C-alpha atoms as a PDB file:
ATOM      1  CA  MET A   1      40.750 -12.538 -31.306  1.00  0.00           C
ATOM      2  CA  LYS A   2      38.649 -12.707 -28.166  1.00  0.00           C
ATOM      3  CA  ASN A   3      40.208 -12.651 -24.742  1.00  0.00           C
ATOM      4  CA  TRP A   4      38.252 -15.186 -22.724  1.00  0.00           C
ATOM      5  CA  ILE A   5      38.171 -15.204 -18.960  1.00  0.00           C
ATOM      6  CA  PHE A   6      37.189 -18.423 -17.221  1.00  0.00           C
ATOM      7  CA  ILE A   7      35.581 -18.024 -13.853  1.00  0.00           C
ATOM      8  CA  VAL A   8      34.637 -20.764 -11.413  1.00  0.00           C
ATOM      9  CA  VAL A   9      31.435 -19.680  -9.751  1.00  0.00           C
ATOM     10  CA  GLY A  10      29.363 -21.105  -6.943  1.00  0.00           C
ATOM     11  CA  ALA A  11      25.675 -20.612  -6.504  1.00  0.00           C
ATOM     12  CA  SER A  12      26.167 -17.711  -4.135  1.00  0.00           C
ATOM     13  CA  LEU A  13      28.129 -15.771  -6.735  1.00  0.00           C
ATOM     14  CA  LEU A  14      25.880 -16.586  -9.658  1.00  0.00           C
ATOM     15  CA  TRP A  15      22.745 -15.292  -7.992  1.00  0.00           C
ATOM     16  CA  ALA A  16      22.144 -13.451  -4.762  1.00  0.00           C
ATOM     17  CA  PRO A  17      18.783 -11.649  -4.578  1.00  0.00           C
ATOM     18  CA  GLY A  18      19.088  -7.923  -4.100  1.00  0.00           C
ATOM     19  CA  THR A  19      22.866  -7.813  -4.377  1.00  0.00           C
ATOM     20  CA  LEU A  20      24.217  -9.100  -7.685  1.00  0.00           C
ATOM     21  CA  ARG A  21      21.227  -8.577  -9.958  1.00  0.00           C
ATOM     22  CA  ALA A  22      19.909  -5.295 -11.305  1.00  0.00           C
ATOM     23  CA  SER A  23      16.178  -4.730 -11.796  1.00  0.00           C
ATOM     24  CA  SER A  24      14.714  -7.615 -13.757  1.00  0.00           C
ATOM     25  CA  PHE A  25      11.743  -5.638 -15.088  1.00  0.00           C
ATOM     26  CA  ALA A  26      11.127  -3.146 -17.861  1.00  0.00           C
ATOM     27  CA  THR A  27      12.051   0.268 -16.483  1.00  0.00           C
ATOM     28  CA  GLU A  28      11.325   2.652 -19.364  1.00  0.00           C
ATOM     29  CA  VAL A  29       8.705   2.981 -22.095  1.00  0.00           C
ATOM     30  CA  ILE A  30      10.467   4.195 -25.239  1.00  0.00           C
ATOM     31  CA  ASP A  31       7.408   4.431 -27.471  1.00  0.00           C
ATOM     32  CA  TYR A  32       3.697   3.634 -27.342  1.00  0.00           C
ATOM     33  CA  GLU A  33       1.038   3.693 -30.036  1.00  0.00           C
ATOM     34  CA  PRO A  34      -2.379   2.611 -28.710  1.00  0.00           C
ATOM     35  CA  GLY A  35      -3.679   1.501 -32.107  1.00  0.00           C
ATOM     36  CA  GLU A  36      -7.331   0.962 -33.019  1.00  0.00           C
ATOM     37  CA  GLY A  37      -9.826  -0.468 -30.575  1.00  0.00           C
ATOM     38  CA  PHE A  38      -7.743  -0.296 -27.407  1.00  0.00           C
ATOM     39  CA  ALA A  39      -9.614  -0.995 -24.186  1.00  0.00           C
ATOM     40  CA  LYS A  40     -11.520   1.704 -22.326  1.00  0.00           C
ATOM     41  CA  ASP A  41     -12.941   1.742 -18.829  1.00  0.00           C
ATOM     42  CA  TRP A  42     -16.656   0.965 -19.086  1.00  0.00           C
ATOM     43  CA  ALA A  43     -17.580   3.386 -16.293  1.00  0.00           C
ATOM     44  CA  THR A  44     -15.520   6.451 -17.206  1.00  0.00           C
ATOM     45  CA  GLY A  45     -14.575   5.925 -20.841  1.00  0.00           C
ATOM     46  CA  ALA A  46     -10.915   6.486 -19.975  1.00  0.00           C
ATOM     47  CA  GLY A  47      -8.457   4.495 -22.054  1.00  0.00           C
ATOM     48  CA  PHE A  48      -6.108   1.904 -20.619  1.00  0.00           C
ATOM     49  CA  THR A  49      -3.221   3.955 -21.962  1.00  0.00           C
ATOM     50  CA  LYS A  50      -1.079   4.728 -18.901  1.00  0.00           C
ATOM     51  CA  THR A  51       2.346   3.576 -20.031  1.00  0.00           C
ATOM     52  CA  GLY A  52       3.726   3.524 -16.501  1.00  0.00           C
ATOM     53  CA  SER A  53       1.404   0.649 -15.687  1.00  0.00           C
ATOM     54  CA  ILE A  54       3.708  -1.873 -17.383  1.00  0.00           C
ATOM     55  CA  LEU A  55       6.908  -0.791 -15.633  1.00  0.00           C
ATOM     56  CA  GLY A  56       8.160  -2.773 -12.679  1.00  0.00           C
ATOM     57  CA  PRO A  57       6.812  -6.116 -11.474  1.00  0.00           C
ATOM     58  CA  PRO A  58       3.437  -7.587 -12.426  1.00  0.00           C
ATOM     59  CA  SER A  59       0.464  -6.768 -10.236  1.00  0.00           C
ATOM     60  CA  SER A  60       0.142  -8.765  -7.035  1.00  0.00           C
ATOM     61  CA  VAL A  61      -2.913  -7.037  -5.568  1.00  0.00           C
ATOM     62  CA  THR A  62      -5.840  -5.172  -7.124  1.00  0.00           C
ATOM     63  CA  GLN A  63      -6.965  -2.260  -4.990  1.00  0.00           C
ATOM     64  CA  GLY A  64     -10.539  -1.111  -4.412  1.00  0.00           C
ATOM     65  CA  GLU A  65     -13.870  -2.465  -3.263  1.00  0.00           C
ATOM     66  CA  PHE A  66     -13.820  -5.371  -5.682  1.00  0.00           C
ATOM     67  CA  GLY A  67     -10.088  -5.944  -5.498  1.00  0.00           C
ATOM     68  CA  GLY A  68      -7.956  -8.550  -3.840  1.00  0.00           C
ATOM     69  CA  PRO A  69      -4.955 -10.749  -4.600  1.00  0.00           C
ATOM     70  CA  VAL A  70      -4.109 -11.217  -8.267  1.00  0.00           C
ATOM     71  CA  THR A  71      -4.524 -14.903  -9.099  1.00  0.00           C
ATOM     72  CA  PRO A  72      -4.946 -16.904 -12.319  1.00  0.00           C
ATOM     73  CA  PHE A  73      -8.701 -16.601 -11.668  1.00  0.00           C
ATOM     74  CA  SER A  74      -8.591 -12.891 -10.805  1.00  0.00           C
ATOM     75  CA  PRO A  75      -6.318 -10.950 -13.198  1.00  0.00           C
ATOM     76  CA  PRO A  76      -5.485  -7.232 -12.928  1.00  0.00           C
ATOM     77  CA  TYR A  77      -8.045  -4.918 -14.524  1.00  0.00           C
ATOM     78  CA  LEU A  78      -7.562  -1.347 -13.256  1.00  0.00           C
ATOM     79  CA  LEU A  79      -6.387   1.623 -15.334  1.00  0.00           C
ATOM     80  CA  ASP A  80      -3.097   1.823 -13.446  1.00  0.00           C
ATOM     81  CA  GLN A  81      -2.419  -1.917 -13.717  1.00  0.00           C
ATOM     82  CA  ILE A  82      -2.532  -2.720 -17.424  1.00  0.00           C
ATOM     83  CA  LEU A  83      -1.777  -1.107 -20.781  1.00  0.00           C
ATOM     84  CA  SER A  84      -4.015  -1.816 -23.764  1.00  0.00           C
ATOM     85  CA  ILE A  85      -2.771  -2.104 -27.350  1.00  0.00           C
ATOM     86  CA  GLY A  86      -5.227  -2.134 -30.233  1.00  0.00           C
ATOM     87  CA  LYS A  87      -4.850  -3.181 -33.853  1.00  0.00           C
ATOM     88  CA  GLY A  88      -1.772  -1.589 -35.416  1.00  0.00           C
ATOM     89  CA  GLY A  89      -0.482  -0.438 -32.039  1.00  0.00           C
ATOM     90  CA  GLN A  90       2.723  -1.233 -30.212  1.00  0.00           C
ATOM     91  CA  VAL A  91       4.737  -0.568 -27.096  1.00  0.00           C
ATOM     92  CA  THR A  92       8.530  -0.523 -26.908  1.00  0.00           C
ATOM     93  CA  VAL A  93      10.241  -0.898 -23.554  1.00  0.00           C
ATOM     94  CA  LYS A  94      13.782  -0.867 -22.243  1.00  0.00           C
ATOM     95  CA  PHE A  95      15.146  -3.023 -19.465  1.00  0.00           C
ATOM     96  CA  ASP A  96      17.454  -1.791 -16.731  1.00  0.00           C
ATOM     97  CA  ARG A  97      20.039  -4.306 -17.917  1.00  0.00           C
ATOM     98  CA  PRO A  98      20.196  -6.498 -21.022  1.00  0.00           C
ATOM     99  CA  ILE A  99      18.225  -9.718 -21.188  1.00  0.00           C
ATOM    100  CA  ARG A 100      20.823 -12.457 -21.609  1.00  0.00           C
ATOM    101  CA  ASN A 101      20.427 -15.503 -23.834  1.00  0.00           C
ATOM    102  CA  GLU A 102      21.475 -17.646 -20.910  1.00  0.00           C
ATOM    103  CA  SER A 103      21.780 -21.430 -21.144  1.00  0.00           C
ATOM    104  CA  LEU A 104      20.908 -21.737 -17.451  1.00  0.00           C
ATOM    105  CA  ASN A 105      17.535 -20.031 -17.891  1.00  0.00           C
ATOM    106  CA  PRO A 106      14.663 -22.400 -17.029  1.00  0.00           C
ATOM    107  CA  PHE A 107      13.202 -24.090 -20.130  1.00  0.00           C
ATOM    108  CA  GLY A 108      15.534 -21.963 -22.282  1.00  0.00           C
ATOM    109  CA  LEU A 109      13.234 -18.935 -21.907  1.00  0.00           C
ATOM    110  CA  ASP A 110      14.831 -15.503 -21.539  1.00  0.00           C
ATOM    111  CA  PHE A 111      12.019 -13.061 -20.766  1.00  0.00           C
ATOM    112  CA  ILE A 112       8.366 -13.083 -19.749  1.00  0.00           C
ATOM    113  CA  VAL A 113       5.384 -10.945 -20.768  1.00  0.00           C
ATOM    114  CA  PHE A 114       2.507 -10.703 -18.283  1.00  0.00           C
ATOM    115  CA  GLY A 115      -0.978  -9.973 -19.595  1.00  0.00           C
ATOM    116  CA  ALA A 116      -4.488  -9.635 -18.184  1.00  0.00           C
ATOM    117  CA  ALA A 117      -6.052 -12.958 -19.138  1.00  0.00           C
ATOM    118  CA  GLY A 118      -7.612 -15.234 -16.528  1.00  0.00           C
ATOM    119  CA  PHE A 119      -8.768 -18.822 -16.279  1.00  0.00           C
ATOM    120  CA  THR A 120     -12.508 -19.344 -16.666  1.00  0.00           C
ATOM    121  CA  ILE A 121     -14.219 -20.692 -13.540  1.00  0.00           C
ATOM    122  CA  THR A 122     -16.504 -23.543 -14.553  1.00  0.00           C
ATOM    123  CA  ASN A 123     -17.999 -24.702 -11.247  1.00  0.00           C
ATOM    124  CA  GLY A 124     -19.656 -21.398 -10.327  1.00  0.00           C
ATOM    125  CA  ASP A 125     -17.587 -20.916  -7.173  1.00  0.00           C
ATOM    126  CA  PHE A 126     -16.202 -17.383  -7.191  1.00  0.00           C
ATOM    127  CA  THR A 127     -15.411 -17.317  -3.467  1.00  0.00           C
ATOM    128  CA  GLY A 128     -12.055 -19.069  -3.623  1.00  0.00           C
ATOM    129  CA  GLY A 129     -12.981 -22.601  -4.615  1.00  0.00           C
ATOM    130  CA  GLY A 130     -13.085 -22.080  -8.365  1.00  0.00           C
ATOM    131  CA  ILE A 131     -12.225 -24.846 -10.818  1.00  0.00           C
ATOM    132  CA  THR A 132     -11.202 -24.264 -14.432  1.00  0.00           C
ATOM    133  CA  ASP A 133     -11.320 -26.288 -17.621  1.00  0.00           C
ATOM    134  CA  GLY A 134      -8.220 -24.475 -18.875  1.00  0.00           C
ATOM    135  CA  SER A 135     -10.079 -21.987 -21.065  1.00  0.00           C
ATOM    136  CA  LEU A 136      -9.348 -18.269 -20.768  1.00  0.00           C
ATOM    137  CA  PHE A 137     -11.236 -14.999 -20.565  1.00  0.00           C
ATOM    138  CA  GLY A 138      -9.821 -11.572 -21.387  1.00  0.00           C
ATOM    139  CA  GLN A 139      -7.035 -12.977 -23.537  1.00  0.00           C
ATOM    140  CA  ALA A 140      -5.695 -11.505 -26.776  1.00  0.00           C
ATOM    141  CA  GLU A 141      -7.621 -13.151 -29.593  1.00  0.00           C
ATOM    142  CA  GLY A 142      -5.838 -11.503 -32.520  1.00  0.00           C
ATOM    143  CA  GLY A 143      -2.331 -11.713 -33.883  1.00  0.00           C
ATOM    144  CA  THR A 144       0.675 -10.326 -32.034  1.00  0.00           C
ATOM    145  CA  ARG A 145       4.361  -9.899 -32.819  1.00  0.00           C
ATOM    146  CA  VAL A 146       7.375  -9.646 -30.518  1.00  0.00           C
ATOM    147  CA  SER A 147      10.673  -8.054 -31.549  1.00  0.00           C
ATOM    148  CA  VAL A 148      13.916  -7.501 -29.651  1.00  0.00           C
ATOM    149  CA  SER A 149      16.926  -5.218 -29.987  1.00  0.00           C
ATOM    150  CA  ASN A 150      20.178  -4.689 -28.149  1.00  0.00           C
ATOM    151  CA  ASP A 151      20.643  -1.038 -29.138  1.00  0.00           C
ATOM    152  CA  GLY A 152      17.118   0.172 -29.883  1.00  0.00           C
ATOM    153  CA  GLU A 153      18.009   0.627 -33.557  1.00  0.00           C
ATOM    154  CA  THR A 154      18.420  -2.820 -35.104  1.00  0.00           C
ATOM    155  CA  TRP A 155      15.427  -5.062 -34.487  1.00  0.00           C
ATOM    156  CA  PHE A 156      14.887  -8.795 -34.746  1.00  0.00           C
ATOM    157  CA  VAL A 157      11.430 -10.362 -34.922  1.00  0.00           C
ATOM    158  CA  LEU A 158      10.863 -13.532 -32.924  1.00  0.00           C
ATOM    159  CA  ASN A 159       9.808 -16.385 -35.192  1.00  0.00           C
ATOM    160  CA  SER A 160       6.003 -16.379 -35.195  1.00  0.00           C
ATOM    161  CA  GLU A 161       5.942 -20.166 -35.531  1.00  0.00           C
ATOM    162  CA  LEU A 162       7.748 -20.460 -32.203  1.00  0.00           C
ATOM    163  CA  ALA A 163       6.715 -17.354 -30.276  1.00  0.00           C
ATOM    164  CA  PRO A 164       3.290 -17.609 -28.604  1.00  0.00           C
ATOM    165  CA  ALA A 165       0.784 -14.772 -28.587  1.00  0.00           C
ATOM    166  CA  ILE A 166       1.080 -12.282 -25.749  1.00  0.00           C
ATOM    167  CA  ASP A 167      -1.714 -11.913 -23.162  1.00  0.00           C
ATOM    168  CA  GLY A 168      -2.694 -15.571 -23.028  1.00  0.00           C
ATOM    169  CA  TYR A 169      -1.159 -18.502 -21.215  1.00  0.00           C
ATOM    170  CA  TYR A 170      -0.275 -18.321 -18.370  1.00  0.00           C
ATOM    171  CA  PRO A 171      -2.524 -16.011 -16.273  1.00  0.00           C
ATOM    172  CA  THR A 172      -0.674 -14.167 -13.525  1.00  0.00           C
ATOM    173  CA  ASP A 173      -0.291 -15.501 -10.001  1.00  0.00           C
ATOM    174  CA  GLY A 174       0.699 -12.424  -8.026  1.00  0.00           C
ATOM    175  CA  SER A 175       2.151 -14.520  -5.206  1.00  0.00           C
ATOM    176  CA  GLY A 176       4.606 -16.293  -7.507  1.00  0.00           C
ATOM    177  CA  ASP A 177       8.138 -15.488  -8.674  1.00  0.00           C
ATOM    178  CA  ALA A 178       8.005 -13.123 -11.661  1.00  0.00           C
ATOM    179  CA  ASP A 179      11.532 -14.061 -12.777  1.00  0.00           C
ATOM    180  CA  VAL A 180      10.694 -17.753 -13.231  1.00  0.00           C
ATOM    181  CA  PRO A 181       8.690 -18.939 -16.261  1.00  0.00           C
ATOM    182  CA  VAL A 182       6.028 -21.620 -16.261  1.00  0.00           C
ATOM    183  CA  ASN A 183       7.019 -24.824 -18.029  1.00  0.00           C
ATOM    184  CA  PRO A 184       5.763 -24.123 -21.589  1.00  0.00           C
ATOM    185  CA  ALA A 185       4.831 -27.795 -21.929  1.00  0.00           C
ATOM    186  CA  LEU A 186       2.023 -27.256 -19.416  1.00  0.00           C
ATOM    187  CA  GLY A 187      -1.212 -27.403 -21.381  1.00  0.00           C
ATOM    188  CA  VAL A 188      -4.979 -27.555 -21.095  1.00  0.00           C
ATOM    189  CA  ALA A 189      -4.983 -31.284 -20.339  1.00  0.00           C
ATOM    190  CA  GLU A 190      -2.950 -30.783 -17.167  1.00  0.00           C
ATOM    191  CA  ILE A 191      -4.791 -27.612 -16.129  1.00  0.00           C
ATOM    192  CA  ALA A 192      -8.343 -28.902 -16.623  1.00  0.00           C
ATOM    193  CA  GLU A 193     -10.184 -29.413 -13.305  1.00  0.00           C
ATOM    194  CA  ALA A 194      -7.491 -27.507 -11.401  1.00  0.00           C
ATOM    195  CA  GLY A 195      -8.283 -25.149  -8.557  1.00  0.00           C
ATOM    196  CA  LEU A 196      -6.036 -22.379  -7.263  1.00  0.00           C
ATOM    197  CA  ALA A 197      -3.863 -24.639  -5.107  1.00  0.00           C
ATOM    198  CA  LYS A 198      -3.326 -27.053  -7.996  1.00  0.00           C
ATOM    199  CA  LEU A 199      -2.514 -24.199 -10.391  1.00  0.00           C
ATOM    200  CA  LYS A 200       0.149 -22.893  -8.015  1.00  0.00           C
ATOM    201  CA  GLU A 201       1.619 -26.391  -7.912  1.00  0.00           C
ATOM    202  CA  LEU A 202       1.575 -26.691 -11.703  1.00  0.00           C
ATOM    203  CA  TYR A 203       3.176 -23.253 -12.034  1.00  0.00           C
ATOM    204  CA  GLY A 204       6.103 -24.480  -9.945  1.00  0.00           C
ATOM    205  CA  GLY A 205       6.403 -21.241  -7.991  1.00  0.00           C
ATOM    206  CA  SER A 206       6.213 -19.047 -11.093  1.00  0.00           C
ATOM    207  CA  ALA A 207       4.063 -15.924 -11.314  1.00  0.00           C
ATOM    208  CA  GLY A 208       2.912 -17.069 -14.750  1.00  0.00           C
ATOM    209  CA  GLY A 209       3.132 -14.992 -17.907  1.00  0.00           C
ATOM    210  CA  THR A 210       4.236 -15.950 -21.409  1.00  0.00           C
ATOM    211  CA  GLY A 211       7.885 -16.889 -21.892  1.00  0.00           C
ATOM    212  CA  PHE A 212      10.050 -16.013 -24.899  1.00  0.00           C
ATOM    213  CA  ASP A 213      13.453 -17.197 -26.105  1.00  0.00           C
ATOM    214  CA  LEU A 214      16.042 -14.961 -27.794  1.00  0.00           C
ATOM    215  CA  ASP A 215      16.961 -18.003 -29.889  1.00  0.00           C
ATOM    216  CA  TRP A 216      13.745 -17.341 -31.831  1.00  0.00           C
ATOM    217  CA  ALA A 217      15.151 -14.066 -33.218  1.00  0.00           C
ATOM    218  CA  THR A 218      15.191 -13.662 -37.015  1.00  0.00           C
ATOM    219  CA  ASP A 219      16.614 -11.040 -39.361  1.00  0.00           C
ATOM    220  CA  ALA A 220      14.807  -9.002 -42.026  1.00  0.00           C
ATOM    221  CA  ASP A 221      14.881 -12.015 -44.359  1.00  0.00           C
ATOM    222  CA  GLY A 222      13.357 -14.284 -41.757  1.00  0.00           C
ATOM    223  CA  GLU A 223      16.608 -16.130 -41.189  1.00  0.00           C
ATOM    224  CA  PRO A 224      17.641 -17.135 -37.650  1.00  0.00           C
ATOM    225  CA  VAL A 225      20.258 -14.960 -35.972  1.00  0.00           C
ATOM    226  CA  SER A 226      22.474 -15.615 -32.986  1.00  0.00           C
ATOM    227  CA  LEU A 227      21.566 -13.030 -30.380  1.00  0.00           C
ATOM    228  CA  GLY A 228      23.471 -13.024 -27.120  1.00  0.00           C
ATOM    229  CA  GLN A 229      21.408 -10.355 -25.427  1.00  0.00           C
ATOM    230  CA  ALA A 230      18.720  -7.708 -25.911  1.00  0.00           C
ATOM    231  CA  GLN A 231      17.825  -4.663 -23.856  1.00  0.00           C
ATOM    232  CA  PHE A 232      14.724  -3.541 -25.760  1.00  0.00           C
ATOM    233  CA  VAL A 233      11.466  -5.400 -26.414  1.00  0.00           C
ATOM    234  CA  ARG A 234       8.669  -4.335 -28.764  1.00  0.00           C
ATOM    235  CA  LEU A 235       5.164  -5.790 -28.524  1.00  0.00           C
ATOM    236  CA  GLU A 236       2.899  -5.272 -31.548  1.00  0.00           C
ATOM    237  CA  VAL A 237      -0.766  -6.122 -32.039  1.00  0.00           C
ATOM    238  CA  LEU A 238      -1.576  -7.067 -35.626  1.00  0.00           C
ATOM    239  CA  SER A 239      -5.291  -7.673 -35.084  1.00  0.00           C
ATOM    240  CA  GLY A 240      -7.704  -7.483 -32.191  1.00  0.00           C
ATOM    241  CA  ARG A 241      -6.171  -6.119 -29.014  1.00  0.00           C
ATOM    242  CA  ALA A 242      -4.019  -7.173 -26.074  1.00  0.00           C
ATOM    243  CA  GLU A 243      -3.434  -5.986 -22.520  1.00  0.00           C
ATOM    244  CA  ILE A 244      -0.009  -5.938 -20.877  1.00  0.00           C
ATOM    245  CA  ASP A 245       0.796  -5.801 -17.174  1.00  0.00           C
ATOM    246  CA  ALA A 246       4.589  -6.202 -17.055  1.00  0.00           C
ATOM    247  CA  LEU A 247       7.723  -7.698 -18.605  1.00  0.00           C
ATOM    248  CA  SER A 248      10.499  -9.495 -16.733  1.00  0.00           C
ATOM    249  CA  ASP A 249      13.963 -10.905 -17.367  1.00  0.00           C
ATOM    250  CA  VAL A 250      14.218 -14.612 -16.510  1.00  0.00           C
ATOM    251  CA  ARG A 251      16.566 -15.473 -13.659  1.00  0.00           C
ATOM    252  CA  PRO A 252      19.096 -18.218 -14.473  1.00  0.00           C
ATOM    253  CA  LYS A 253      19.123 -21.403 -12.471  1.00  0.00           C
ATOM    254  CA  THR A 254      22.138 -21.864 -10.243  1.00  0.00           C
ATOM    255  CA  ALA A 255      24.574 -24.751 -10.267  1.00  0.00           C
ATOM    256  CA  PRO A 256      26.461 -26.003  -7.185  1.00  0.00           C
ATOM    257  CA  LEU A 257      29.745 -25.363  -8.965  1.00  0.00           C
ATOM    258  CA  GLY A 258      30.610 -24.807 -12.580  1.00  0.00           C
ATOM    259  CA  TRP A 259      32.479 -22.874 -15.216  1.00  0.00           C
ATOM    260  CA  HIS A 260      31.157 -19.623 -16.568  1.00  0.00           C
ATOM    261  CA  TYR A 261      32.724 -18.541 -19.852  1.00  0.00           C
ATOM    262  CA  GLU A 262      32.712 -14.817 -20.525  1.00  0.00           C
ATOM    263  CA  SER A 263      34.567 -12.934 -23.258  1.00  0.00           C
ATOM    264  CA  PHE A 264      33.835  -9.484 -21.772  1.00  0.00           C
ATOM    265  CA  ALA A 265      33.680  -8.191 -25.332  1.00  0.00           C
ATOM    266  CA  THR A 266      31.404  -5.483 -23.973  1.00  0.00           C
ATOM    267  CA  ASN A 267      31.684  -3.532 -20.748  1.00  0.00           C
ATOM    268  CA  PRO A 268      30.505  -5.908 -17.999  1.00  0.00           C
ATOM    269  CA  LEU A 269      29.402  -3.043 -15.745  1.00  0.00           C
ATOM    270  CA  ALA A 270      27.027  -1.898 -18.490  1.00  0.00           C
ATOM    271  CA  ASN A 271      25.603  -5.398 -18.829  1.00  0.00           C
ATOM    272  CA  GLY A 272      24.429  -5.968 -15.285  1.00  0.00           C
ATOM    273  CA  TRP A 273      27.636  -7.332 -13.745  1.00  0.00           C
ATOM    274  CA  MET A 274      28.507  -5.936 -10.333  1.00  0.00           C
ATOM    275  CA  LEU A 275      32.050  -5.546  -9.038  1.00  0.00           C
ATOM    276  CA  HIS A 276      32.987  -6.385  -5.475  1.00  0.00           C
ATOM    277  CA  GLY A 277      36.298  -5.351  -3.971  1.00  0.00           C
ATOM    278  CA  ASP A 278      39.015  -3.130  -5.410  1.00  0.00           C
ATOM    279  CA  GLU A 279      37.767  -1.577  -8.655  1.00  0.00           C
ATOM    280  CA  SER A 280      41.289  -0.453  -9.592  1.00  0.00           C
ATOM    281  CA  LEU A 281      42.218  -4.062 -10.391  1.00  0.00           C
ATOM    282  CA  PHE A 282      39.839  -4.150 -13.353  1.00  0.00           C
ATOM    283  CA  GLU A 283      39.722  -1.973 -16.445  1.00  0.00           C
ATOM    284  CA  TRP A 284      37.639  -2.602 -19.536  1.00  0.00           C
ATOM    285  CA  ASP A 285      39.404  -1.734 -22.806  1.00  0.00           C
ATOM    286  CA  ALA A 286      36.710  -0.550 -25.232  1.00  0.00           C
ATOM    287  CA  GLU A 287      39.035  -0.511 -28.237  1.00  0.00           C
ATOM    288  CA  ALA A 288      40.293  -4.044 -27.673  1.00  0.00           C
ATOM    289  CA  GLY A 289      36.949  -5.318 -26.413  1.00  0.00           C
ATOM    290  CA  ALA A 290      38.612  -6.966 -23.445  1.00  0.00           C
ATOM    291  CA  LEU A 291      38.779  -6.789 -19.677  1.00  0.00           C
ATOM    292  CA  GLU A 292      42.230  -6.075 -18.266  1.00  0.00           C
ATOM    293  CA  VAL A 293      42.898  -7.590 -14.851  1.00  0.00           C
ATOM    294  CA  THR A 294      45.779  -6.678 -12.541  1.00  0.00           C
ATOM    295  CA  TRP A 295      46.723  -9.573 -10.287  1.00  0.00           C
ATOM    296  CA  ASN A 296      47.895  -8.456  -6.847  1.00  0.00           C
ATOM    297  CA  SER A 297      48.145 -10.984  -4.004  1.00  0.00           C
ATOM    298  CA  GLU A 298      48.417  -8.171  -1.469  1.00  0.00           C
ATOM    299  CA  LYS A 299      44.923  -6.930  -2.281  1.00  0.00           C
ATOM    300  CA  PRO A 300      41.720  -8.382  -0.775  1.00  0.00           C
ATOM    301  CA  ASN A 301      39.621 -10.716  -2.916  1.00  0.00           C
ATOM    302  CA  SER A 302      37.948  -8.805  -5.742  1.00  0.00           C
ATOM    303  CA  TYR A 303      35.534 -10.269  -8.254  1.00  0.00           C
ATOM    304  CA  PHE A 304      32.580  -9.743 -10.582  1.00  0.00           C
END
């Protein structure tokens, strides 16, 4: 029997940047296999194999003589910005807190993978007035596979018929919000003839990237599974190669006022919840899988 706690939350409690939310990016590389044919720097021959390059937020600026702001026309390309995965290779990362299968996530997407693809400029203007037809350069052209896990041991593959390839749509806009996905319905028809200003408008404030839904998870038999959260993500390249810049956890939309239903079947403090007030009023019972709350009107307001 689950012990449910019903909490009325306002927008300020559901999301307050920098206070209630842990890091929304991958913070640790658990394993990396570069595979065959991973990218190498043309000038030095060094491989794009620095695993630390995919930790933290996606690139916003490319340093150096030929650098500048990262835009959908000008993707990251330096050795310390992207990680390359060749055929048969993979990278497994861990997030600071679990990715939640949250109904309030925009477009139902739960996490985002940022690559190194860019939109092709078709009008010859590379000085800031570029126009695209929606085609890409530098994208992954082979097959990819995305898997998720909550404990790093049991893995679930995202349905390949639903999950898009990594390192493709949508090229990164470094000035956008990396926790907000692009509307996946946005396609070539809408993007064709768009310049940078129009692309930013179409992105709706997002930093781009490819969005994924935990609802696409399947078991070893290919059957759908109900997955409430995942803290590990594995990106595999089955053919060709792909470049990765970052991974992020989608931020839920806020509601003016609503009910949030939480069983607290797992320790909330281990799942990204933050406690404000008197900690002694709350105790999580691991054996019962429940949160015990002591009500005391003499104490100041305390909440998760």
